Amino acid sequence: MSVQAWQRASLPMLILTVFAVAPRHGYGISQALVSVGLQPVKGAQLYPALARLEEEGAINAEWEQGDSGPARKVYEPTPTGRQQLTDFRAQWQMFTQAVQAVGSESPSTEESPTIGSTS
């Protein structure tokens, strides 16, 4: 799987992570991801993801007048979105730990929580 595919799969978490720093407009989200070494996100991927997050109540959008151009939507997280980010990060950590454990020489004998379980 390519980095771009992983980025697409984790886009909601990435978007909420960007908002944890500051509210942004669509282009600002893409630029924030590029600034840390990820690929630019195309509008065809970004705006549907933003719409889903808004429908879920994870983000709010407000129209803001641009400095030198037309108004644009600026997005920010809601308390629900902040909780989703906390949950995404916990699930991501469990997933990456499980991936790293695969193939290790001494597998854990302790019962580990199943990824995606709520317990």
PDB file of N, CA and C in Angstrom:
ATOM      1  N   MET A   1       0.857  -1.170   0.000  1.00  0.00           N
ATOM      2  CA  MET A   1       0.000   0.000   0.000  1.00  0.00           C
ATOM      3  C   MET A   1       0.901   1.230   0.000  1.00  0.00           C
ATOM      4  N   SER A   2       0.561   2.192  -0.811  1.00  0.00           N
ATOM      5  CA  SER A   2       1.376   3.400  -0.932  1.00  0.00           C
ATOM      6  C   SER A   2       1.098   4.378   0.211  1.00  0.00           C
ATOM      7  N   VAL A   3       2.008   5.326   0.378  1.00  0.00           N
ATOM      8  CA  VAL A   3       1.823   6.384   1.373  1.00  0.00           C
ATOM      9  C   VAL A   3       0.538   7.151   1.077  1.00  0.00           C
ATOM     10  N   GLN A   4       0.269   7.394  -0.193  1.00  0.00           N
ATOM     11  CA  GLN A   4      -0.955   8.108  -0.565  1.00  0.00           C
ATOM     12  C   GLN A   4      -2.191   7.338  -0.143  1.00  0.00           C
ATOM     13  N   ALA A   5      -2.179   6.028  -0.265  1.00  0.00           N
ATOM     14  CA  ALA A   5      -3.329   5.221   0.137  1.00  0.00           C
ATOM     15  C   ALA A   5      -3.526   5.281   1.656  1.00  0.00           C
ATOM     16  N   TRP A   6      -2.435   5.203   2.405  1.00  0.00           N
ATOM     17  CA  TRP A   6      -2.523   5.337   3.860  1.00  0.00           C
ATOM     18  C   TRP A   6      -3.041   6.718   4.237  1.00  0.00           C
ATOM     19  N   GLN A   7      -2.572   7.729   3.515  1.00  0.00           N
ATOM     20  CA  GLN A   7      -3.007   9.105   3.788  1.00  0.00           C
ATOM     21  C   GLN A   7      -4.513   9.237   3.541  1.00  0.00           C
ATOM     22  N   ARG A   8      -4.999   8.667   2.435  1.00  0.00           N
ATOM     23  CA  ARG A   8      -6.440   8.719   2.144  1.00  0.00           C
ATOM     24  C   ARG A   8      -7.232   8.002   3.236  1.00  0.00           C
ATOM     25  N   ALA A   9      -6.742   6.836   3.656  1.00  0.00           N
ATOM     26  CA  ALA A   9      -7.443   6.049   4.665  1.00  0.00           C
ATOM     27  C   ALA A   9      -7.498   6.753   6.017  1.00  0.00           C
ATOM     28  N   SER A  10      -6.483   7.523   6.316  1.00  0.00           N
ATOM     29  CA  SER A  10      -6.425   8.205   7.618  1.00  0.00           C
ATOM     30  C   SER A  10      -6.796   9.686   7.516  1.00  0.00           C
ATOM     31  N   LEU A  11      -7.394  10.106   6.406  1.00  0.00           N
ATOM     32  CA  LEU A  11      -7.685  11.522   6.188  1.00  0.00           C
ATOM     33  C   LEU A  11      -8.540  12.154   7.284  1.00  0.00           C
ATOM     34  N   PRO A  12      -9.609  11.525   7.771  1.00  0.00           N
ATOM     35  CA  PRO A  12     -10.361  12.175   8.855  1.00  0.00           C
ATOM     36  C   PRO A  12      -9.497  12.460  10.082  1.00  0.00           C
ATOM     37  N   MET A  13      -8.634  11.513  10.461  1.00  0.00           N
ATOM     38  CA  MET A  13      -7.745  11.739  11.600  1.00  0.00           C
ATOM     39  C   MET A  13      -6.758  12.866  11.298  1.00  0.00           C
ATOM     40  N   LEU A  14      -6.219  12.896  10.095  1.00  0.00           N
ATOM     41  CA  LEU A  14      -5.277  13.946   9.724  1.00  0.00           C
ATOM     42  C   LEU A  14      -5.943  15.319   9.750  1.00  0.00           C
ATOM     43  N   ILE A  15      -7.165  15.401   9.226  1.00  0.00           N
ATOM     44  CA  ILE A  15      -7.884  16.678   9.214  1.00  0.00           C
ATOM     45  C   ILE A  15      -8.111  17.158  10.648  1.00  0.00           C
ATOM     46  N   LEU A  16      -8.605  16.281  11.509  1.00  0.00           N
ATOM     47  CA  LEU A  16      -8.853  16.681  12.898  1.00  0.00           C
ATOM     48  C   LEU A  16      -7.555  17.047  13.611  1.00  0.00           C
ATOM     49  N   THR A  17      -6.463  16.398  13.260  1.00  0.00           N
ATOM     50  CA  THR A  17      -5.159  16.734  13.855  1.00  0.00           C
ATOM     51  C   THR A  17      -4.731  18.139  13.446  1.00  0.00           C
ATOM     52  N   VAL A  18      -4.942  18.483  12.183  1.00  0.00           N
ATOM     53  CA  VAL A  18      -4.625  19.837  11.711  1.00  0.00           C
ATOM     54  C   VAL A  18      -5.450  20.862  12.487  1.00  0.00           C
ATOM     55  N   PHE A  19      -6.741  20.561  12.703  1.00  0.00           N
ATOM     56  CA  PHE A  19      -7.613  21.492  13.430  1.00  0.00           C
ATOM     57  C   PHE A  19      -7.249  21.610  14.899  1.00  0.00           C
ATOM     58  N   ALA A  20      -6.551  20.625  15.452  1.00  0.00           N
ATOM     59  CA  ALA A  20      -6.139  20.705  16.849  1.00  0.00           C
ATOM     60  C   ALA A  20      -5.177  21.868  17.052  1.00  0.00           C
ATOM     61  N   VAL A  21      -4.493  22.269  15.987  1.00  0.00           N
ATOM     62  CA  VAL A  21      -3.548  23.395  16.056  1.00  0.00           C
ATOM     63  C   VAL A  21      -4.285  24.717  15.878  1.00  0.00           C
ATOM     64  N   ALA A  22      -5.136  24.790  14.837  1.00  0.00           N
ATOM     65  CA  ALA A  22      -5.848  26.036  14.546  1.00  0.00           C
ATOM     66  C   ALA A  22      -6.921  25.772  13.500  1.00  0.00           C
ATOM     67  N   PRO A  23      -8.001  26.579  13.503  1.00  0.00           N
ATOM     68  CA  PRO A  23      -8.988  26.464  12.426  1.00  0.00           C
ATOM     69  C   PRO A  23      -8.321  26.739  11.076  1.00  0.00           C
ATOM     70  N   ARG A  24      -8.824  26.107  10.031  1.00  0.00           N
ATOM     71  CA  ARG A  24      -8.227  26.260   8.693  1.00  0.00           C
ATOM     72  C   ARG A  24      -9.301  26.219   7.629  1.00  0.00           C
ATOM     73  N   HIS A  25      -8.955  26.726   6.461  1.00  0.00           N
ATOM     74  CA  HIS A  25      -9.779  26.542   5.266  1.00  0.00           C
ATOM     75  C   HIS A  25      -9.191  25.360   4.499  1.00  0.00           C
ATOM     76  N   GLY A  26      -9.880  24.914   3.451  1.00  0.00           N
ATOM     77  CA  GLY A  26      -9.471  23.712   2.734  1.00  0.00           C
ATOM     78  C   GLY A  26      -8.028  23.731   2.260  1.00  0.00           C
ATOM     79  N   TYR A  27      -7.630  24.815   1.593  1.00  0.00           N
ATOM     80  CA  TYR A  27      -6.256  24.901   1.092  1.00  0.00           C
ATOM     81  C   TYR A  27      -5.260  24.867   2.255  1.00  0.00           C
ATOM     82  N   GLY A  28      -5.607  25.500   3.368  1.00  0.00           N
ATOM     83  CA  GLY A  28      -4.736  25.512   4.544  1.00  0.00           C
ATOM     84  C   GLY A  28      -4.536  24.127   5.132  1.00  0.00           C
ATOM     85  N   ILE A  29      -5.569  23.290   5.033  1.00  0.00           N
ATOM     86  CA  ILE A  29      -5.453  21.912   5.519  1.00  0.00           C
ATOM     87  C   ILE A  29      -4.421  21.170   4.675  1.00  0.00           C
ATOM     88  N   SER A  30      -4.570  21.273   3.362  1.00  0.00           N
ATOM     89  CA  SER A  30      -3.632  20.605   2.457  1.00  0.00           C
ATOM     90  C   SER A  30      -2.207  21.108   2.689  1.00  0.00           C
ATOM     91  N   GLN A  31      -2.050  22.417   2.836  1.00  0.00           N
ATOM     92  CA  GLN A  31      -0.713  22.983   3.060  1.00  0.00           C
ATOM     93  C   GLN A  31      -0.106  22.505   4.368  1.00  0.00           C
ATOM     94  N   ALA A  32      -0.928  22.365   5.412  1.00  0.00           N
ATOM     95  CA  ALA A  32      -0.417  21.867   6.696  1.00  0.00           C
ATOM     96  C   ALA A  32       0.094  20.438   6.555  1.00  0.00           C
ATOM     97  N   LEU A  33      -0.597  19.626   5.779  1.00  0.00           N
ATOM     98  CA  LEU A  33      -0.157  18.241   5.574  1.00  0.00           C
ATOM     99  C   LEU A  33       1.127  18.190   4.752  1.00  0.00           C
ATOM    100  N   VAL A  34       1.203  19.025   3.722  1.00  0.00           N
ATOM    101  CA  VAL A  34       2.409  19.079   2.888  1.00  0.00           C
ATOM    102  C   VAL A  34       3.606  19.544   3.728  1.00  0.00           C
ATOM    103  N   SER A  35       3.368  20.468   4.653  1.00  0.00           N
ATOM    104  CA  SER A  35       4.467  21.024   5.445  1.00  0.00           C
ATOM    105  C   SER A  35       5.152  19.994   6.336  1.00  0.00           C
ATOM    106  N   VAL A  36       4.469  18.861   6.598  1.00  0.00           N
ATOM    107  CA  VAL A  36       5.083  17.803   7.407  1.00  0.00           C
ATOM    108  C   VAL A  36       5.505  16.605   6.563  1.00  0.00           C
ATOM    109  N   GLY A  37       5.489  16.768   5.228  1.00  0.00           N
ATOM    110  CA  GLY A  37       6.006  15.735   4.355  1.00  0.00           C
ATOM    111  C   GLY A  37       4.967  14.835   3.706  1.00  0.00           C
ATOM    112  N   LEU A  38       3.686  15.107   3.921  1.00  0.00           N
ATOM    113  CA  LEU A  38       2.651  14.309   3.267  1.00  0.00           C
ATOM    114  C   LEU A  38       2.338  14.882   1.893  1.00  0.00           C
ATOM    115  N   GLN A  39       1.570  14.143   1.131  1.00  0.00           N
ATOM    116  CA  GLN A  39       1.194  14.572  -0.216  1.00  0.00           C
ATOM    117  C   GLN A  39       0.078  15.609  -0.146  1.00  0.00           C
ATOM    118  N   PRO A  40      -0.004  16.505  -1.126  1.00  0.00           N
ATOM    119  CA  PRO A  40      -1.146  17.426  -1.159  1.00  0.00           C
ATOM    120  C   PRO A  40      -2.445  16.622  -1.301  1.00  0.00           C
ATOM    121  N   VAL A  41      -3.493  17.096  -0.659  1.00  0.00           N
ATOM    122  CA  VAL A  41      -4.793  16.424  -0.741  1.00  0.00           C
ATOM    123  C   VAL A  41      -5.617  17.154  -1.788  1.00  0.00           C
ATOM    124  N   LYS A  42      -6.121  16.406  -2.745  1.00  0.00           N
ATOM    125  CA  LYS A  42      -6.941  16.997  -3.799  1.00  0.00           C
ATOM    126  C   LYS A  42      -8.333  17.304  -3.256  1.00  0.00           C
ATOM    127  N   GLY A  43      -8.948  18.321  -3.837  1.00  0.00           N
ATOM    128  CA  GLY A  43     -10.279  18.721  -3.414  1.00  0.00           C
ATOM    129  C   GLY A  43     -11.294  17.597  -3.493  1.00  0.00           C
ATOM    130  N   ALA A  44     -11.147  16.711  -4.471  1.00  0.00           N
ATOM    131  CA  ALA A  44     -12.076  15.594  -4.638  1.00  0.00           C
ATOM    132  C   ALA A  44     -12.018  14.616  -3.463  1.00  0.00           C
ATOM    133  N   GLN A  45     -10.932  14.635  -2.707  1.00  0.00           N
ATOM    134  CA  GLN A  45     -10.819  13.810  -1.504  1.00  0.00           C
ATOM    135  C   GLN A  45     -11.125  14.634  -0.259  1.00  0.00           C
ATOM    136  N   LEU A  46     -10.629  15.867  -0.234  1.00  0.00           N
ATOM    137  CA  LEU A  46     -10.724  16.697   0.958  1.00  0.00           C
ATOM    138  C   LEU A  46     -12.147  17.139   1.273  1.00  0.00           C
ATOM    139  N   TYR A  47     -12.844  17.703   0.294  1.00  0.00           N
ATOM    140  CA  TYR A  47     -14.144  18.300   0.588  1.00  0.00           C
ATOM    141  C   TYR A  47     -15.216  17.279   0.946  1.00  0.00           C
ATOM    142  N   PRO A  48     -15.251  16.097   0.326  1.00  0.00           N
ATOM    143  CA  PRO A  48     -16.196  15.086   0.825  1.00  0.00           C
ATOM    144  C   PRO A  48     -15.879  14.654   2.266  1.00  0.00           C
ATOM    145  N   ALA A  49     -14.587  14.557   2.603  1.00  0.00           N
ATOM    146  CA  ALA A  49     -14.206  14.193   3.976  1.00  0.00           C
ATOM    147  C   ALA A  49     -14.641  15.284   4.954  1.00  0.00           C
ATOM    148  N   LEU A  50     -14.467  16.540   4.561  1.00  0.00           N
ATOM    149  CA  LEU A  50     -14.915  17.646   5.415  1.00  0.00           C
ATOM    150  C   LEU A  50     -16.436  17.615   5.578  1.00  0.00           C
ATOM    151  N   ALA A  51     -17.159  17.344   4.497  1.00  0.00           N
ATOM    152  CA  ALA A  51     -18.621  17.280   4.566  1.00  0.00           C
ATOM    153  C   ALA A  51     -19.067  16.166   5.515  1.00  0.00           C
ATOM    154  N   ARG A  52     -18.402  15.009   5.455  1.00  0.00           N
ATOM    155  CA  ARG A  52     -18.752  13.895   6.360  1.00  0.00           C
ATOM    156  C   ARG A  52     -18.475  14.277   7.810  1.00  0.00           C
ATOM    157  N   LEU A  53     -17.332  14.897   8.067  1.00  0.00           N
ATOM    158  CA  LEU A  53     -17.016  15.322   9.429  1.00  0.00           C
ATOM    159  C   LEU A  53     -18.026  16.354   9.932  1.00  0.00           C
ATOM    160  N   GLU A  54     -18.460  17.241   9.044  1.00  0.00           N
ATOM    161  CA  GLU A  54     -19.450  18.246   9.430  1.00  0.00           C
ATOM    162  C   GLU A  54     -20.800  17.568   9.722  1.00  0.00           C
ATOM    163  N   GLU A  55     -21.201  16.601   8.897  1.00  0.00           N
ATOM    164  CA  GLU A  55     -22.453  15.866   9.119  1.00  0.00           C
ATOM    165  C   GLU A  55     -22.423  15.092  10.432  1.00  0.00           C
ATOM    166  N   GLU A  56     -21.255  14.583  10.801  1.00  0.00           N
ATOM    167  CA  GLU A  56     -21.096  13.837  12.055  1.00  0.00           C
ATOM    168  C   GLU A  56     -21.062  14.753  13.272  1.00  0.00           C
ATOM    169  N   GLY A  57     -20.977  16.058  13.043  1.00  0.00           N
ATOM    170  CA  GLY A  57     -20.886  17.005  14.155  1.00  0.00           C
ATOM    171  C   GLY A  57     -19.482  17.151  14.699  1.00  0.00           C
ATOM    172  N   ALA A  58     -18.477  16.677  13.948  1.00  0.00           N
ATOM    173  CA  ALA A  58     -17.081  16.739  14.402  1.00  0.00           C
ATOM    174  C   ALA A  58     -16.443  18.095  14.133  1.00  0.00           C
ATOM    175  N   ILE A  59     -16.965  18.821  13.139  1.00  0.00           N
ATOM    176  CA  ILE A  59     -16.421  20.145  12.807  1.00  0.00           C
ATOM    177  C   ILE A  59     -17.566  21.107  12.512  1.00  0.00           C
ATOM    178  N   ASN A  60     -17.267  22.382  12.671  1.00  0.00           N
ATOM    179  CA  ASN A  60     -18.161  23.469  12.266  1.00  0.00           C
ATOM    180  C   ASN A  60     -17.473  24.230  11.149  1.00  0.00           C
ATOM    181  N   ALA A  61     -18.275  24.808  10.275  1.00  0.00           N
ATOM    182  CA  ALA A  61     -17.741  25.618   9.179  1.00  0.00           C
ATOM    183  C   ALA A  61     -18.380  27.002   9.235  1.00  0.00           C
ATOM    184  N   GLU A  62     -17.569  28.014   9.047  1.00  0.00           N
ATOM    185  CA  GLU A  62     -18.035  29.398   9.000  1.00  0.00           C
ATOM    186  C   GLU A  62     -17.440  30.047   7.759  1.00  0.00           C
ATOM    187  N   TRP A  63     -18.248  30.861   7.097  1.00  0.00           N
ATOM    188  CA  TRP A  63     -17.725  31.621   5.963  1.00  0.00           C
ATOM    189  C   TRP A  63     -16.953  32.814   6.498  1.00  0.00           C
ATOM    190  N   GLU A  64     -15.763  33.032   5.946  1.00  0.00           N
ATOM    191  CA  GLU A  64     -14.890  34.135   6.369  1.00  0.00           C
ATOM    192  C   GLU A  64     -14.422  34.880   5.126  1.00  0.00           C
ATOM    193  N   GLN A  65     -14.468  36.189   5.181  1.00  0.00           N
ATOM    194  CA  GLN A  65     -14.010  36.986   4.043  1.00  0.00           C
ATOM    195  C   GLN A  65     -12.507  36.812   3.873  1.00  0.00           C
ATOM    196  N   GLY A  66     -12.082  36.530   2.651  1.00  0.00           N
ATOM    197  CA  GLY A  66     -10.655  36.378   2.369  1.00  0.00           C
ATOM    198  C   GLY A  66      -9.954  37.720   2.357  1.00  0.00           C
ATOM    199  N   ASP A  67      -8.661  37.731   2.636  1.00  0.00           N
ATOM    200  CA  ASP A  67      -7.874  38.974   2.651  1.00  0.00           C
ATOM    201  C   ASP A  67      -7.822  39.612   1.273  1.00  0.00           C
ATOM    202  N   SER A  68      -7.637  38.804   0.253  1.00  0.00           N
ATOM    203  CA  SER A  68      -7.475  39.372  -1.085  1.00  0.00           C
ATOM    204  C   SER A  68      -8.329  38.653  -2.115  1.00  0.00           C
ATOM    205  N   GLY A  69      -9.414  38.052  -1.666  1.00  0.00           N
ATOM    206  CA  GLY A  69     -10.230  37.306  -2.609  1.00  0.00           C
ATOM    207  C   GLY A  69     -11.595  37.023  -2.037  1.00  0.00           C
ATOM    208  N   PRO A  70     -12.258  36.048  -2.612  1.00  0.00           N
ATOM    209  CA  PRO A  70     -13.614  35.734  -2.169  1.00  0.00           C
ATOM    210  C   PRO A  70     -13.639  35.094  -0.779  1.00  0.00           C
ATOM    211  N   ALA A  71     -14.827  35.055  -0.198  1.00  0.00           N
ATOM    212  CA  ALA A  71     -15.005  34.403   1.096  1.00  0.00           C
ATOM    213  C   ALA A  71     -14.707  32.905   0.960  1.00  0.00           C
ATOM    214  N   ARG A  72     -14.313  32.302   2.052  1.00  0.00           N
ATOM    215  CA  ARG A  72     -14.038  30.870   2.052  1.00  0.00           C
ATOM    216  C   ARG A  72     -14.485  30.275   3.379  1.00  0.00           C
ATOM    217  N   LYS A  73     -14.763  28.989   3.349  1.00  0.00           N
ATOM    218  CA  LYS A  73     -15.169  28.304   4.567  1.00  0.00           C
ATOM    219  C   LYS A  73     -13.947  28.027   5.424  1.00  0.00           C
ATOM    220  N   VAL A  74     -14.079  28.329   6.695  1.00  0.00           N
ATOM    221  CA  VAL A  74     -13.029  28.005   7.668  1.00  0.00           C
ATOM    222  C   VAL A  74     -13.635  26.985   8.628  1.00  0.00           C
ATOM    223  N   TYR A  75     -12.905  25.925   8.831  1.00  0.00           N
ATOM    224  CA  TYR A  75     -13.391  24.807   9.633  1.00  0.00           C
ATOM    225  C   TYR A  75     -12.660  24.762  10.974  1.00  0.00           C
ATOM    226  N   GLU A  76     -13.395  24.335  12.007  1.00  0.00           N
ATOM    227  CA  GLU A  76     -12.788  24.132  13.319  1.00  0.00           C
ATOM    228  C   GLU A  76     -13.468  22.952  14.003  1.00  0.00           C
ATOM    229  N   PRO A  77     -12.769  22.302  14.930  1.00  0.00           N
ATOM    230  CA  PRO A  77     -13.341  21.124  15.569  1.00  0.00           C
ATOM    231  C   PRO A  77     -14.383  21.503  16.619  1.00  0.00           C
ATOM    232  N   THR A  78     -15.317  20.601  16.835  1.00  0.00           N
ATOM    233  CA  THR A  78     -16.285  20.706  17.922  1.00  0.00           C
ATOM    234  C   THR A  78     -15.784  19.816  19.056  1.00  0.00           C
ATOM    235  N   PRO A  79     -16.429  19.855  20.208  1.00  0.00           N
ATOM    236  CA  PRO A  79     -16.049  18.893  21.260  1.00  0.00           C
ATOM    237  C   PRO A  79     -16.157  17.440  20.776  1.00  0.00           C
ATOM    238  N   THR A  80     -17.159  17.145  19.958  1.00  0.00           N
ATOM    239  CA  THR A  80     -17.292  15.802  19.385  1.00  0.00           C
ATOM    240  C   THR A  80     -16.073  15.474  18.524  1.00  0.00           C
ATOM    241  N   GLY A  81     -15.618  16.433  17.734  1.00  0.00           N
ATOM    242  CA  GLY A  81     -14.446  16.234  16.889  1.00  0.00           C
ATOM    243  C   GLY A  81     -13.186  16.019  17.697  1.00  0.00           C
ATOM    244  N   ARG A  82     -13.058  16.757  18.785  1.00  0.00           N
ATOM    245  CA  ARG A  82     -11.883  16.573  19.652  1.00  0.00           C
ATOM    246  C   ARG A  82     -11.873  15.165  20.256  1.00  0.00           C
ATOM    247  N   GLN A  83     -13.072  14.684  20.642  1.00  0.00           N
ATOM    248  CA  GLN A  83     -13.162  13.328  21.184  1.00  0.00           C
ATOM    249  C   GLN A  83     -12.868  12.298  20.094  1.00  0.00           C
ATOM    250  N   GLN A  84     -13.359  12.536  18.884  1.00  0.00           N
ATOM    251  CA  GLN A  84     -13.061  11.629  17.774  1.00  0.00           C
ATOM    252  C   GLN A  84     -11.554  11.553  17.546  1.00  0.00           C
ATOM    253  N   LEU A  85     -10.874  12.696  17.617  1.00  0.00           N
ATOM    254  CA  LEU A  85      -9.431  12.702  17.417  1.00  0.00           C
ATOM    255  C   LEU A  85      -8.741  11.885  18.509  1.00  0.00           C
ATOM    256  N   THR A  86      -9.164  12.046  19.736  1.00  0.00           N
ATOM    257  CA  THR A  86      -8.592  11.255  20.826  1.00  0.00           C
ATOM    258  C   THR A  86      -8.788   9.764  20.559  1.00  0.00           C
ATOM    259  N   ASP A  87      -9.999   9.396  20.118  1.00  0.00           N
ATOM    260  CA  ASP A  87     -10.290   7.988  19.813  1.00  0.00           C
ATOM    261  C   ASP A  87      -9.462   7.493  18.627  1.00  0.00           C
ATOM    262  N   PHE A  88      -9.386   8.310  17.550  1.00  0.00           N
ATOM    263  CA  PHE A  88      -8.580   7.946  16.379  1.00  0.00           C
ATOM    264  C   PHE A  88      -7.133   7.700  16.776  1.00  0.00           C
ATOM    265  N   ARG A  89      -6.591   8.594  17.592  1.00  0.00           N
ATOM    266  CA  ARG A  89      -5.182   8.463  17.986  1.00  0.00           C
ATOM    267  C   ARG A  89      -4.952   7.189  18.794  1.00  0.00           C
ATOM    268  N   ALA A  90      -5.864   6.866  19.694  1.00  0.00           N
ATOM    269  CA  ALA A  90      -5.730   5.645  20.497  1.00  0.00           C
ATOM    270  C   ALA A  90      -5.799   4.407  19.597  1.00  0.00           C
ATOM    271  N   GLN A  91      -6.742   4.405  18.655  1.00  0.00           N
ATOM    272  CA  GLN A  91      -6.860   3.277  17.730  1.00  0.00           C
ATOM    273  C   GLN A  91      -5.631   3.171  16.838  1.00  0.00           C
ATOM    274  N   TRP A  92      -5.125   4.307  16.387  1.00  0.00           N
ATOM    275  CA  TRP A  92      -3.933   4.314  15.529  1.00  0.00           C
ATOM    276  C   TRP A  92      -2.731   3.756  16.293  1.00  0.00           C
ATOM    277  N   GLN A  93      -2.595   4.151  17.565  1.00  0.00           N
ATOM    278  CA  GLN A  93      -1.478   3.654  18.368  1.00  0.00           C
ATOM    279  C   GLN A  93      -1.582   2.140  18.545  1.00  0.00           C
ATOM    280  N   MET A  94      -2.787   1.645  18.828  1.00  0.00           N
ATOM    281  CA  MET A  94      -2.961   0.192  18.964  1.00  0.00           C
ATOM    282  C   MET A  94      -2.617  -0.511  17.658  1.00  0.00           C
ATOM    283  N   PHE A  95      -3.056   0.060  16.532  1.00  0.00           N
ATOM    284  CA  PHE A  95      -2.796  -0.535  15.230  1.00  0.00           C
ATOM    285  C   PHE A  95      -1.300  -0.581  14.938  1.00  0.00           C
ATOM    286  N   THR A  96      -0.606   0.548  15.128  1.00  0.00           N
ATOM    287  CA  THR A  96       0.827   0.575  14.813  1.00  0.00           C
ATOM    288  C   THR A  96       1.620  -0.334  15.742  1.00  0.00           C
ATOM    289  N   GLN A  97       1.205  -0.437  16.990  1.00  0.00           N
ATOM    290  CA  GLN A  97       1.882  -1.361  17.903  1.00  0.00           C
ATOM    291  C   GLN A  97       1.675  -2.808  17.458  1.00  0.00           C
ATOM    292  N   ALA A  98       0.469  -3.128  16.999  1.00  0.00           N
ATOM    293  CA  ALA A  98       0.194  -4.484  16.528  1.00  0.00           C
ATOM    294  C   ALA A  98       1.011  -4.792  15.280  1.00  0.00           C
ATOM    295  N   VAL A  99       1.111  -3.831  14.371  1.00  0.00           N
ATOM    296  CA  VAL A  99       1.899  -4.025  13.149  1.00  0.00           C
ATOM    297  C   VAL A  99       3.363  -4.265  13.505  1.00  0.00           C
ATOM    298  N   GLN A 100       3.883  -3.473  14.453  1.00  0.00           N
ATOM    299  CA  GLN A 100       5.275  -3.646  14.854  1.00  0.00           C
ATOM    300  C   GLN A 100       5.505  -4.983  15.547  1.00  0.00           C
ATOM    301  N   ALA A 101       4.477  -5.481  16.242  1.00  0.00           N
ATOM    302  CA  ALA A 101       4.612  -6.755  16.963  1.00  0.00           C
ATOM    303  C   ALA A 101       4.597  -7.948  16.023  1.00  0.00           C
ATOM    304  N   VAL A 102       3.963  -7.787  14.863  1.00  0.00           N
ATOM    305  CA  VAL A 102       3.912  -8.893  13.900  1.00  0.00           C
ATOM    306  C   VAL A 102       5.343  -9.186  13.454  1.00  0.00           C
ATOM    307  N   GLY A 103       5.740 -10.392  13.608  1.00  0.00           N
ATOM    308  CA  GLY A 103       7.086 -10.778  13.183  1.00  0.00           C
ATOM    309  C   GLY A 103       8.154 -10.553  14.229  1.00  0.00           C
ATOM    310  N   SER A 104       7.773 -10.019  15.386  1.00  0.00           N
ATOM    311  CA  SER A 104       8.797  -9.858  16.422  1.00  0.00           C
ATOM    312  C   SER A 104       9.165 -11.244  16.940  1.00  0.00           C
ATOM    313  N   GLU A 105      10.346 -11.363  17.478  1.00  0.00           N
ATOM    314  CA  GLU A 105      10.845 -12.679  17.875  1.00  0.00           C
ATOM    315  C   GLU A 105      10.127 -13.248  19.084  1.00  0.00           C
ATOM    316  N   SER A 106       9.653 -12.372  19.969  1.00  0.00           N
ATOM    317  CA  SER A 106       8.999 -12.895  21.171  1.00  0.00           C
ATOM    318  C   SER A 106       7.610 -12.277  21.306  1.00  0.00           C
ATOM    319  N   PRO A 107       6.613 -12.947  20.729  1.00  0.00           N
ATOM    320  CA  PRO A 107       5.262 -12.420  20.823  1.00  0.00           C
ATOM    321  C   PRO A 107       4.794 -12.361  22.270  1.00  0.00           C
ATOM    322  N   SER A 108       3.953 -11.411  22.545  1.00  0.00           N
ATOM    323  CA  SER A 108       3.421 -11.225  23.887  1.00  0.00           C
ATOM    324  C   SER A 108       2.530 -12.396  24.257  1.00  0.00           C
ATOM    325  N   THR A 109       2.653 -12.853  25.499  1.00  0.00           N
ATOM    326  CA  THR A 109       1.787 -13.929  25.967  1.00  0.00           C
ATOM    327  C   THR A 109       0.555 -13.370  26.657  1.00  0.00           C
ATOM    328  N   GLU A 110       0.550 -12.061  26.893  1.00  0.00           N
ATOM    329  CA  GLU A 110      -0.600 -11.434  27.518  1.00  0.00           C
ATOM    330  C   GLU A 110      -1.698 -11.238  26.494  1.00  0.00           C
ATOM    331  N   GLU A 111      -2.918 -11.268  26.983  1.00  0.00           N
ATOM    332  CA  GLU A 111      -4.080 -10.998  26.120  1.00  0.00           C
ATOM    333  C   GLU A 111      -4.072  -9.514  25.758  1.00  0.00           C
ATOM    334  N   SER A 112      -4.072  -9.197  24.480  1.00  0.00           N
ATOM    335  CA  SER A 112      -4.086  -7.819  24.015  1.00  0.00           C
ATOM    336  C   SER A 112      -5.468  -7.460  23.549  1.00  0.00           C
ATOM    337  N   PRO A 113      -5.879  -6.187  23.718  1.00  0.00           N
ATOM    338  CA  PRO A 113      -7.190  -5.792  23.199  1.00  0.00           C
ATOM    339  C   PRO A 113      -7.183  -5.906  21.678  1.00  0.00           C
ATOM    340  N   THR A 114      -8.305  -6.290  21.133  1.00  0.00           N
ATOM    341  CA  THR A 114      -8.438  -6.407  19.684  1.00  0.00           C
ATOM    342  C   THR A 114      -8.634  -5.026  19.101  1.00  0.00           C
ATOM    343  N   ILE A 115      -7.942  -4.728  18.010  1.00  0.00           N
ATOM    344  CA  ILE A 115      -8.078  -3.434  17.360  1.00  0.00           C
ATOM    345  C   ILE A 115      -9.514  -3.282  16.907  1.00  0.00           C
ATOM    346  N   GLY A 116     -10.086  -2.129  17.230  1.00  0.00           N
ATOM    347  CA  GLY A 116     -11.455  -1.844  16.852  1.00  0.00           C
ATOM    348  C   GLY A 116     -12.447  -2.237  17.945  1.00  0.00           C
ATOM    349  N   SER A 117     -11.988  -2.935  18.989  1.00  0.00           N
ATOM    350  CA  SER A 117     -12.906  -3.287  20.081  1.00  0.00           C
ATOM    351  C   SER A 117     -13.056  -2.096  20.992  1.00  0.00           C
ATOM    352  N   THR A 118     -14.105  -2.082  21.744  1.00  0.00           N
ATOM    353  CA  THR A 118     -14.372  -0.950  22.627  1.00  0.00           C
ATOM    354  C   THR A 118     -13.926  -1.215  24.045  1.00  0.00           C
ATOM    355  N   SER A 119     -13.380  -2.375  24.342  1.00  0.00           N
ATOM    356  CA  SER A 119     -12.943  -2.666  25.696  1.00  0.00           C
ATOM    357  C   SER A 119     -11.469  -2.467  25.866  1.00  0.00           C
TER     358      SER A 119
END
